[in-house]
Amino acid sequence: MKKLLAALIAALFITISTQGQLSGNLSGEGTMKYCLVQKSNSAGISSNSNPLIAHCTITENQSCGIYLAFTMDVQIDNCDITYNHSNWHGGGICMFGANAIITNCLIDHNTCDDSRAGIWTDYGATLENCIITYNYANTACGVCNHWDGYDSNYLNSL
């Protein structure tokens, strides 16, 4: 019984580490839950679809934690996005032509050589019940909308 229980618990978690970038696996309406994504040499998660990313820890990735391009209705829920780094924009989450609903997430200790260490978006995002703290960049450290006319919504977030 103990072996069966251990196997079932292990099956609930996916670990991607060292050089494991998850890219292309989040096509269509993909779902990624209960994952540890760490130490990728590029973005930890990269997607141009409408995924649900939930209950994941995304940490210590280069190029950014989550990279979203030209997609709408992305849902990121109950994730810890920490200690990621980007040379350009969005150390934690970088969104180009993308919109996301981000709920119950910790976005913490991400860094960026250029600007917008926590979240960078050119289209806007909705953040609800999120904590965005201790992100560092040369300019604009927390959340930044790049283009005028697109706004982000912050609900019960710090």
Protein backbone atom coordinates (compact mmCIF):
# COMPACT_ATOMS: atom_id res chain seq x y z
CA MET A 1 0.00 0.00 0.00
CA LYS A 2 2.84 2.42 0.83
CA LYS A 3 4.46 1.83 -2.58
CA LEU A 4 1.18 2.46 -4.38
CA LEU A 5 0.59 5.66 -2.41
CA ALA A 6 4.16 6.85 -3.11
CA ALA A 7 3.74 6.12 -6.84
CA LEU A 8 0.45 8.04 -6.95
CA ILE A 9 1.98 11.05 -5.19
CA ALA A 10 5.02 11.00 -7.50
CA ALA A 11 2.74 10.87 -10.54
CA LEU A 12 1.12 14.15 -9.50
CA PHE A 13 4.37 16.10 -9.85
CA ILE A 14 6.51 16.80 -12.88
CA THR A 15 9.99 18.18 -12.37
CA ILE A 16 11.76 19.97 -15.19
CA SER A 17 15.25 21.00 -14.24
CA THR A 18 18.80 21.76 -15.41
CA GLN A 19 18.17 22.48 -19.10
CA GLY A 20 14.52 21.53 -19.35
CA GLN A 21 12.52 24.19 -21.14
CA LEU A 22 8.88 23.36 -21.58
CA SER A 23 8.09 24.79 -24.98
CA GLY A 24 5.59 23.57 -27.52
CA ASN A 25 4.03 21.21 -24.99
CA LEU A 26 1.59 23.95 -24.03
CA SER A 27 -0.11 24.21 -27.38
CA GLY A 28 -3.85 24.48 -27.87
CA GLU A 29 -5.70 24.63 -24.59
CA GLY A 30 -3.02 22.75 -22.62
CA THR A 31 -2.94 22.44 -18.86
CA MET A 32 0.13 22.33 -16.67
CA LYS A 33 -0.44 21.61 -12.98
CA TYR A 34 1.67 20.77 -9.94
CA CYS A 35 5.01 21.22 -11.66
CA LEU A 36 8.44 22.36 -10.64
CA VAL A 37 10.09 24.20 -13.53
CA GLN A 38 13.61 25.27 -12.66
CA LYS A 39 17.08 26.13 -13.97
CA SER A 40 16.22 26.33 -17.66
CA ASN A 41 18.78 28.11 -19.83
CA SER A 42 15.87 29.93 -21.49
CA ALA A 43 12.31 30.70 -20.40
CA GLY A 44 11.01 28.17 -17.91
CA ILE A 45 7.65 27.98 -19.71
CA SER A 46 7.11 29.33 -23.20
CA SER A 47 3.71 29.34 -24.89
CA ASN A 48 1.83 30.90 -27.76
CA SER A 49 -1.45 29.20 -26.89
CA ASN A 50 -4.05 29.58 -24.13
CA PRO A 51 -2.76 27.34 -21.35
CA LEU A 52 -3.80 26.96 -17.75
CA ILE A 53 -0.72 26.98 -15.52
CA ALA A 54 -1.67 26.12 -11.93
CA HIS A 55 -0.01 25.14 -8.66
CA CYS A 56 3.47 25.33 -10.18
CA THR A 57 6.79 26.59 -8.89
CA ILE A 58 8.73 28.35 -11.63
CA THR A 59 12.17 29.29 -10.35
CA GLU A 60 15.78 30.01 -11.32
CA ASN A 61 15.20 30.18 -15.08
CA GLN A 62 17.12 32.37 -17.51
CA SER A 63 15.35 34.55 -20.11
CA CYS A 64 12.29 34.71 -17.75
CA GLY A 65 10.02 32.45 -15.73
CA ILE A 66 7.02 32.43 -18.10
CA TYR A 67 7.10 33.78 -21.67
CA LEU A 68 3.75 34.27 -23.45
CA ALA A 69 3.50 35.47 -27.05
CA PHE A 70 0.42 36.42 -29.09
CA THR A 71 -2.12 34.62 -26.96
CA MET A 72 -5.21 35.60 -25.00
CA ASP A 73 -7.05 34.12 -22.05
CA VAL A 74 -4.01 32.57 -20.40
CA GLN A 75 -4.69 31.58 -16.80
CA ILE A 76 -1.91 31.44 -14.24
CA ASP A 77 -3.22 30.36 -10.85
CA ASN A 78 -1.63 29.64 -7.49
CA CYS A 79 1.97 29.65 -8.75
CA ASP A 80 5.24 30.75 -7.17
CA ILE A 81 7.29 32.60 -9.80
CA THR A 82 10.59 33.37 -8.09
CA TYR A 83 14.30 33.97 -8.70
CA ASN A 84 14.04 34.08 -12.50
CA HIS A 85 16.22 36.38 -14.60
CA SER A 86 15.87 38.15 -17.94
CA ASN A 87 18.39 40.18 -19.89
CA TRP A 88 15.65 42.26 -21.49
CA HIS A 89 12.07 42.49 -20.08
CA GLY A 90 9.98 40.63 -17.53
CA GLY A 91 12.15 38.45 -15.33
CA GLY A 92 9.10 36.77 -13.77
CA ILE A 93 6.53 36.92 -16.59
CA CYS A 94 7.05 38.42 -20.03
CA MET A 95 4.01 38.87 -22.31
CA PHE A 96 4.18 40.10 -25.92
CA GLY A 97 0.77 40.54 -27.55
CA ALA A 98 -0.62 38.39 -24.77
CA ASN A 99 -3.12 38.81 -21.98
CA ALA A 100 -3.30 36.76 -18.81
CA ILE A 101 -5.44 36.39 -15.73
CA ILE A 102 -3.01 35.85 -12.86
CA THR A 103 -4.55 34.83 -9.53
CA ASN A 104 -3.20 33.82 -6.12
CA CYS A 105 0.43 33.98 -7.26
CA LEU A 106 3.68 35.00 -5.62
CA ILE A 107 5.97 36.92 -8.00
CA ASP A 108 9.11 37.45 -5.98
CA HIS A 109 12.87 38.07 -6.32
CA ASN A 110 12.92 38.12 -10.13
CA THR A 111 15.59 40.23 -11.81
CA CYS A 112 16.09 41.91 -15.13
CA ASP A 113 19.08 43.70 -16.64
CA ASP A 114 16.88 46.15 -18.55
CA SER A 115 13.41 46.85 -17.18
CA ARG A 116 10.27 45.42 -15.60
CA ALA A 117 11.57 42.61 -13.43
CA GLY A 118 8.26 41.26 -12.05
CA ILE A 119 5.85 41.34 -15.00
CA TRP A 120 6.23 43.02 -18.38
CA THR A 121 3.27 43.25 -20.71
CA ASP A 122 2.48 45.24 -23.81
CA TYR A 123 -1.19 44.31 -23.74
CA GLY A 124 -2.36 44.26 -20.12
CA ALA A 125 -3.16 41.68 -17.48
CA THR A 126 -5.51 41.06 -14.59
CA LEU A 127 -3.87 40.29 -11.26
CA GLU A 128 -6.01 39.16 -8.35
CA ASN A 129 -4.83 38.19 -4.85
CA CYS A 130 -1.18 38.28 -5.94
CA ILE A 131 1.92 39.33 -4.06
CA ILE A 132 4.54 41.05 -6.19
CA THR A 133 7.60 41.85 -4.12
CA TYR A 134 11.40 42.21 -4.16
CA ASN A 135 11.74 42.22 -7.95
CA TYR A 136 14.71 44.21 -9.23
CA ALA A 137 15.56 45.81 -12.58
CA ASN A 138 17.50 48.83 -13.74
CA THR A 139 14.12 50.56 -14.30
CA ALA A 140 10.48 49.80 -13.40
CA CYS A 141 10.67 46.85 -11.03
CA GLY A 142 7.12 45.59 -10.35
CA VAL A 143 4.52 45.43 -13.13
CA CYS A 144 4.71 47.50 -16.28
CA ASN A 145 2.43 48.06 -19.24
CA HIS A 146 4.59 49.10 -22.16
CA TRP A 147 2.00 50.62 -24.51
CA ASP A 148 -0.50 53.35 -23.73
CA GLY A 149 -4.11 52.36 -24.12
CA TYR A 150 -3.78 48.95 -22.50
CA ASP A 151 -4.31 48.72 -18.77
CA SER A 152 -3.74 46.07 -16.19
CA ASN A 153 -6.26 45.46 -13.41
CA TYR A 154 -5.07 44.84 -9.86
CA LEU A 155 -7.56 43.31 -7.45
CA ASN A 156 -6.54 42.67 -3.83
CA SER A 157 -2.89 42.46 -4.85
CA LEU A 158 0.24 43.86 -3.21
